[in-house]
Amino acid sequence: MSPKRSHDAAEVYDGVPSLHDAKSSAIVAKLHLDSASERWAIRTDEARELDAAACLATACRSLKGFNDVLANDCLEAAKNLWETHRTSKLIGLIDASAELYLSTGDKKYLDYILSQKEQIIQQIGKTGPAVARVSTKIIDKSFLNDLHKPLLDYAMQVDKEMKETPYGVRYKPNIWGDGWNIQQFGVNQYFLHKAFPDIFTAEAVFNSLNFVLGVHPGNNTASFVSGVGANSLLVAYGVNRDEWSYIPGGSASGTALIRPDLPELKVWPYLWQQTEYVMGGGEMNYMFLVLAADEMLR
């Protein structure tokens, strides 16, 4: 068994971070064999902790009634992170405030959002979805009125970018395939459409889902979600990649753009930038988009 594969298998069970560098992986694998490995030291990362606060606040609502103890733990952790970073200038605090308000109803979280009007307007493309989540709870009509033009301008920008490709999505790949970014775009557009249907259409949501399911560039038009669709990725970069196999439901980033203009999606298990699976962003947003499309079509 290769050091990388043995370490990936160990990661599944003991939580030690995976290293993509082969030499480093070999060292870590050897430490495992010698029972000498420990978790890596974790440094404070404000942006990640605010993202975690938003995720934990969201998770507590899903866990209520199923595992109340864990739901409460998630909520308390989210509150503590919010308090730790309550003076942060990062827009992640707006996301965390929105989810904490939805989970607690505590007015201080909504008040924080209202106090950040200028930052919200300046970065409306990034902050809009969070505001959309709590828009029905905002009774300050002047706040929403002030957001109307920035939202219109952003909607026009999105519409222009969607028309730049025949797929109706913002397709701007870097090294990875762009499937995960497109899914995130679709999720954000769902929240904006639900809150402001007179400004944002549902088209971007459906187009984003269609893109990852096969309506994308290149000769290989496989669905990026293994096992979903008549033609999908059945050789992918997961913990079982040495088997030239796949994990049903795994969501990959998909077709990469080899500069200047060659869309590429190889049937090859070792190209992480095309067929790698991830849970956060990839799998999570795919499942959300499916549920969102189902809800909007009912």
Protein backbone atom coordinates (compact mmCIF):
# COMPACT_ATOMS: atom_id res chain seq x y z
CA MET A 1 0.00 0.00 0.00
CA SER A 2 1.32 3.45 -0.90
CA PRO A 3 2.18 5.87 1.94
CA LYS A 4 -0.36 8.35 0.63
CA ARG A 5 -3.14 5.78 0.51
CA SER A 6 -2.32 4.37 3.93
CA HIS A 7 -2.33 7.86 5.37
CA ASP A 8 -5.65 8.71 3.73
CA ALA A 9 -7.13 5.59 5.26
CA ALA A 10 -5.72 6.60 8.64
CA GLU A 11 -7.17 10.08 8.23
CA VAL A 12 -10.65 8.66 7.94
CA TYR A 13 -10.32 7.04 11.34
CA ASP A 14 -8.09 9.27 13.48
CA GLY A 15 -8.50 12.79 12.13
CA VAL A 16 -4.85 13.49 11.36
CA PRO A 17 -4.69 16.07 8.53
CA SER A 18 -3.80 14.64 5.13
CA LEU A 19 -0.71 15.87 3.29
CA HIS A 20 -0.64 15.88 -0.50
CA ASP A 21 3.14 15.93 -0.67
CA ALA A 22 4.29 12.31 -1.11
CA LYS A 23 7.45 12.65 0.98
CA SER A 24 5.63 14.28 3.87
CA SER A 25 2.89 11.66 3.66
CA ALA A 26 5.49 8.92 3.90
CA ILE A 27 6.91 10.51 7.04
CA VAL A 28 3.48 10.84 8.65
CA ALA A 29 2.60 7.26 7.70
CA LYS A 30 5.83 6.08 9.34
CA LEU A 31 4.92 8.01 12.48
CA HIS A 32 1.58 6.22 12.48
CA LEU A 33 3.32 2.87 12.35
CA ASP A 34 5.53 3.91 15.25
CA SER A 35 2.50 5.17 17.20
CA ALA A 36 4.24 8.53 17.46
CA SER A 37 1.93 10.81 15.49
CA GLU A 38 -0.19 13.52 17.09
CA ARG A 39 -2.70 16.04 15.85
CA TRP A 40 -1.18 19.11 14.25
CA ALA A 41 -1.15 22.29 16.31
CA ILE A 42 -4.12 24.43 15.34
CA ARG A 43 -3.61 28.17 14.97
CA THR A 44 -6.36 30.74 15.25
CA ASP A 45 -7.87 31.74 11.91
CA GLU A 46 -10.49 34.48 12.24
CA ALA A 47 -12.13 33.89 8.85
CA ARG A 48 -12.40 30.14 9.38
CA GLU A 49 -13.73 30.53 12.91
CA LEU A 50 -16.45 32.89 11.71
CA ASP A 51 -17.33 30.41 8.97
CA ALA A 52 -17.46 27.68 11.62
CA ALA A 53 -19.74 29.85 13.77
CA ALA A 54 -22.21 30.21 10.89
CA CYS A 55 -22.09 26.48 10.15
CA LEU A 56 -22.55 25.51 13.80
CA ALA A 57 -25.45 27.91 14.24
CA THR A 58 -27.09 26.37 11.17
CA ALA A 59 -26.40 22.82 12.32
CA CYS A 60 -28.09 23.35 15.68
CA ARG A 61 -31.44 23.94 13.96
CA SER A 62 -31.16 20.69 12.00
CA LEU A 63 -30.14 18.72 15.09
CA LYS A 64 -32.98 19.90 17.31
CA GLY A 65 -35.31 17.03 18.08
CA PHE A 66 -32.77 14.52 16.81
CA ASN A 67 -29.83 15.15 19.13
CA ASP A 68 -30.67 18.02 21.45
CA VAL A 69 -27.43 17.79 23.40
CA LEU A 70 -25.32 18.12 20.26
CA ALA A 71 -27.61 20.88 18.97
CA ASN A 72 -27.03 22.87 22.15
CA ASP A 73 -23.26 22.24 21.97
CA CYS A 74 -23.21 23.57 18.40
CA LEU A 75 -25.16 26.68 19.38
CA GLU A 76 -22.97 27.43 22.39
CA ALA A 77 -19.82 27.01 20.31
CA ALA A 78 -21.23 29.37 17.65
CA LYS A 79 -22.12 31.96 20.28
CA ASN A 80 -18.67 31.77 21.82
CA LEU A 81 -16.97 32.22 18.45
CA TRP A 82 -19.21 35.20 17.68
CA GLU A 83 -18.30 36.83 20.99
CA THR A 84 -14.61 36.17 20.36
CA HIS A 85 -14.74 37.94 16.99
CA ARG A 86 -17.55 40.45 17.58
CA THR A 87 -15.26 43.38 16.64
CA SER A 88 -14.07 41.72 13.44
CA LYS A 89 -14.20 43.69 10.20
CA LEU A 90 -14.57 40.53 8.12
CA ILE A 91 -17.87 39.90 6.32
CA GLY A 92 -17.92 36.43 7.86
CA LEU A 93 -19.32 38.06 10.99
CA ILE A 94 -22.38 39.08 8.97
CA ASP A 95 -22.93 35.47 7.87
CA ALA A 96 -22.51 34.22 11.44
CA SER A 97 -24.87 36.89 12.76
CA ALA A 98 -27.57 35.92 10.27
CA GLU A 99 -27.44 32.24 11.20
CA LEU A 100 -27.28 32.96 14.93
CA TYR A 101 -30.28 35.24 14.67
CA LEU A 102 -32.25 32.53 12.86
CA SER A 103 -31.26 30.02 15.55
CA THR A 104 -31.82 32.19 18.63
CA GLY A 105 -34.04 35.13 17.70
CA ASP A 106 -31.66 37.27 19.75
CA LYS A 107 -32.00 40.83 18.46
CA LYS A 108 -28.34 41.66 19.02
CA TYR A 109 -27.39 39.58 15.98
CA LEU A 110 -29.88 41.34 13.73
CA ASP A 111 -28.81 44.71 15.14
CA TYR A 112 -25.24 43.92 14.18
CA ILE A 113 -26.30 43.25 10.58
CA LEU A 114 -28.23 46.52 10.44
CA SER A 115 -25.18 48.37 11.77
CA GLN A 116 -23.08 47.12 8.86
CA LYS A 117 -25.12 48.69 6.07
CA GLU A 118 -22.18 50.40 4.39
CA GLN A 119 -20.07 47.23 4.35
CA ILE A 120 -23.04 45.23 3.07
CA ILE A 121 -23.59 47.68 0.22
CA GLN A 122 -19.90 47.81 -0.70
CA GLN A 123 -19.69 43.99 -0.91
CA ILE A 124 -23.26 43.19 -1.86
CA GLY A 125 -22.29 40.18 -3.98
CA LYS A 126 -20.77 38.50 -0.91
CA THR A 127 -23.04 39.85 1.82
CA GLY A 128 -26.36 39.79 -0.06
CA PRO A 129 -27.15 36.09 0.53
CA ALA A 130 -26.73 36.47 4.31
CA VAL A 131 -28.98 39.52 4.39
CA ALA A 132 -31.47 37.65 2.22
CA ARG A 133 -31.67 34.94 4.88
CA VAL A 134 -33.06 37.39 7.43
CA SER A 135 -34.73 39.94 5.14
CA THR A 136 -38.26 39.07 6.27
CA LYS A 137 -37.23 39.86 9.86
CA ILE A 138 -35.97 43.35 9.06
CA ILE A 139 -38.61 45.93 9.92
CA ASP A 140 -36.39 48.91 9.07
CA LYS A 141 -37.72 49.62 5.58
CA SER A 142 -35.13 52.35 4.97
CA PHE A 143 -32.41 49.71 5.36
CA LEU A 144 -33.97 47.52 2.68
CA ASN A 145 -34.67 50.52 0.46
CA ASP A 146 -31.00 51.51 0.60
CA LEU A 147 -30.07 47.99 -0.50
CA HIS A 148 -32.44 48.00 -3.48
CA LYS A 149 -30.17 49.72 -6.02
CA PRO A 150 -26.99 47.79 -5.03
CA LEU A 151 -28.97 44.57 -5.38
CA LEU A 152 -30.27 45.65 -8.79
CA ASP A 153 -26.75 46.51 -9.93
CA TYR A 154 -25.47 43.15 -8.73
CA ALA A 155 -28.32 41.31 -10.46
CA MET A 156 -27.41 43.06 -13.72
CA GLN A 157 -23.77 42.04 -13.26
CA VAL A 158 -24.79 38.42 -12.66
CA ASP A 159 -27.04 38.44 -15.72
CA LYS A 160 -24.20 39.77 -17.87
CA GLU A 161 -21.78 37.11 -16.62
CA MET A 162 -24.33 34.34 -17.16
CA LYS A 163 -24.69 35.38 -20.79
CA GLU A 164 -20.95 35.09 -21.39
CA THR A 165 -21.27 31.30 -21.75
CA PRO A 166 -23.90 29.05 -23.36
CA TYR A 167 -24.32 27.33 -19.99
CA GLY A 168 -25.90 30.28 -18.20
CA VAL A 169 -23.42 30.28 -15.31
CA ARG A 170 -20.37 32.23 -14.20
CA TYR A 171 -17.65 29.98 -15.64
CA LYS A 172 -14.23 31.28 -14.61
CA PRO A 173 -12.03 28.28 -13.79
CA ASN A 174 -8.54 28.71 -12.40
CA ILE A 175 -6.59 25.46 -11.79
CA TRP A 176 -9.45 23.33 -10.55
CA GLY A 177 -12.58 22.61 -12.47
CA ASP A 178 -15.17 25.23 -11.57
CA GLY A 179 -18.01 22.96 -10.48
CA TRP A 180 -17.76 23.74 -6.77
CA ASN A 181 -17.67 27.50 -7.33
CA ILE A 182 -20.64 27.26 -9.66
CA GLN A 183 -22.57 25.26 -7.07
CA GLN A 184 -21.80 27.89 -4.41
CA PHE A 185 -22.95 30.56 -6.84
CA GLY A 186 -26.20 28.64 -7.35
CA VAL A 187 -26.82 28.33 -3.61
CA ASN A 188 -26.29 32.06 -3.11
CA GLN A 189 -28.61 32.85 -6.00
CA TYR A 190 -31.29 30.67 -4.42
CA PHE A 191 -31.29 32.76 -1.24
CA LEU A 192 -31.30 36.00 -3.24
CA HIS A 193 -34.17 34.79 -5.44
CA LYS A 194 -36.26 33.67 -2.47
CA ALA A 195 -35.83 37.01 -0.72
CA PHE A 196 -35.90 39.32 -3.74
CA PRO A 197 -37.79 37.51 -6.54
CA ASP A 198 -38.48 40.79 -8.33
CA ILE A 199 -34.71 41.30 -8.73
CA PHE A 200 -33.17 37.82 -9.01
CA THR A 201 -34.55 35.01 -11.18
CA ALA A 202 -34.42 31.29 -10.43
CA GLU A 203 -32.55 30.61 -13.67
CA ALA A 204 -29.10 30.71 -12.08
CA VAL A 205 -30.08 28.01 -9.58
CA PHE A 206 -31.26 25.58 -12.25
CA ASN A 207 -28.33 26.39 -14.55
CA SER A 208 -25.82 25.72 -11.78
CA LEU A 209 -27.32 22.31 -11.10
CA ASN A 210 -27.52 21.47 -14.80
CA PHE A 211 -23.85 22.41 -15.22
CA VAL A 212 -22.58 19.89 -12.67
CA LEU A 213 -24.94 17.23 -14.03
CA GLY A 214 -23.46 17.39 -17.52
CA VAL A 215 -24.35 20.66 -19.27
CA HIS A 216 -20.73 21.82 -19.37
CA PRO A 217 -17.89 22.25 -21.92
CA GLY A 218 -15.59 19.54 -23.25
CA ASN A 219 -15.90 16.20 -25.02
CA ASN A 220 -16.48 14.45 -21.70
CA THR A 221 -19.90 15.65 -20.59
CA ALA A 222 -20.15 13.34 -17.60
CA SER A 223 -22.03 14.40 -14.51
CA PHE A 224 -19.57 15.56 -11.85
CA VAL A 225 -21.61 13.60 -9.28
CA SER A 226 -20.68 9.93 -9.34
CA GLY A 227 -23.62 7.65 -9.99
CA VAL A 228 -26.03 10.49 -10.78
CA GLY A 229 -27.06 10.60 -14.44
CA ALA A 230 -26.69 8.16 -17.33
CA ASN A 231 -23.04 9.24 -17.72
CA SER A 232 -21.13 10.24 -14.60
CA LEU A 233 -17.63 10.19 -13.09
CA LEU A 234 -16.91 6.56 -12.28
CA VAL A 235 -13.15 7.02 -11.86
CA ALA A 236 -12.51 9.68 -9.27
CA TYR A 237 -10.02 11.07 -6.77
CA GLY A 238 -11.34 9.76 -3.46
CA VAL A 239 -9.72 7.66 -0.73
CA ASN A 240 -10.29 4.67 -3.04
CA ARG A 241 -8.65 6.22 -6.11
CA ASP A 242 -6.02 3.47 -6.36
CA GLU A 243 -8.88 1.14 -7.23
CA TRP A 244 -9.88 3.29 -10.25
CA SER A 245 -13.24 3.47 -8.57
CA TYR A 246 -15.72 5.97 -7.17
CA ILE A 247 -17.93 6.78 -4.19
CA PRO A 248 -21.63 6.97 -5.10
CA GLY A 249 -22.83 10.54 -4.73
CA GLY A 250 -19.31 11.97 -4.54
CA SER A 251 -19.15 15.47 -6.06
CA ALA A 252 -16.01 16.51 -7.98
CA SER A 253 -14.89 19.94 -9.18
CA GLY A 254 -15.09 18.70 -12.77
CA THR A 255 -13.86 19.96 -16.12
CA ALA A 256 -10.69 22.05 -15.93
CA LEU A 257 -9.66 24.61 -18.53
CA ILE A 258 -6.21 23.91 -19.93
CA ARG A 259 -4.97 27.27 -21.14
CA PRO A 260 -5.85 28.85 -23.39
CA ASP A 261 -9.04 27.03 -24.41
CA LEU A 262 -9.00 23.24 -23.89
CA PRO A 263 -11.73 21.93 -21.53
CA GLU A 264 -10.41 18.71 -20.01
CA LEU A 265 -12.03 16.02 -17.86
CA LYS A 266 -9.85 12.93 -17.99
CA VAL A 267 -10.85 9.41 -16.98
CA TRP A 268 -7.93 9.25 -14.55
CA PRO A 269 -8.07 8.90 -10.75
CA TYR A 270 -5.07 11.03 -9.76
CA LEU A 271 -6.02 14.49 -11.06
CA TRP A 272 -7.27 16.18 -7.91
CA GLN A 273 -7.95 19.37 -9.86
CA GLN A 274 -10.60 17.58 -11.93
CA THR A 275 -12.06 14.58 -10.13
CA GLU A 276 -11.35 15.13 -6.42
CA TYR A 277 -14.24 14.70 -4.00
CA VAL A 278 -14.92 17.12 -1.14
CA MET A 279 -17.76 17.26 1.37
CA GLY A 280 -17.81 20.97 2.24
CA GLY A 281 -18.83 23.00 -0.80
CA GLY A 282 -18.86 20.13 -3.27
CA GLU A 283 -21.15 17.49 -1.83
CA MET A 284 -23.02 19.84 0.51
CA ASN A 285 -23.90 22.42 -2.14
CA TYR A 286 -24.87 19.73 -4.65
CA MET A 287 -27.40 18.25 -2.23
CA PHE A 288 -28.68 21.73 -1.40
CA LEU A 289 -29.17 22.61 -5.07
CA VAL A 290 -31.12 19.40 -5.70
CA LEU A 291 -33.43 20.14 -2.79
CA ALA A 292 -33.73 23.79 -3.85
CA ALA A 293 -34.64 22.87 -7.43
CA ASP A 294 -37.19 20.34 -6.18
CA GLU A 295 -38.75 22.94 -3.88
CA MET A 296 -38.95 25.62 -6.55
CA LEU A 297 -40.52 23.28 -9.11
CA ARG A 298 -43.31 22.13 -6.83
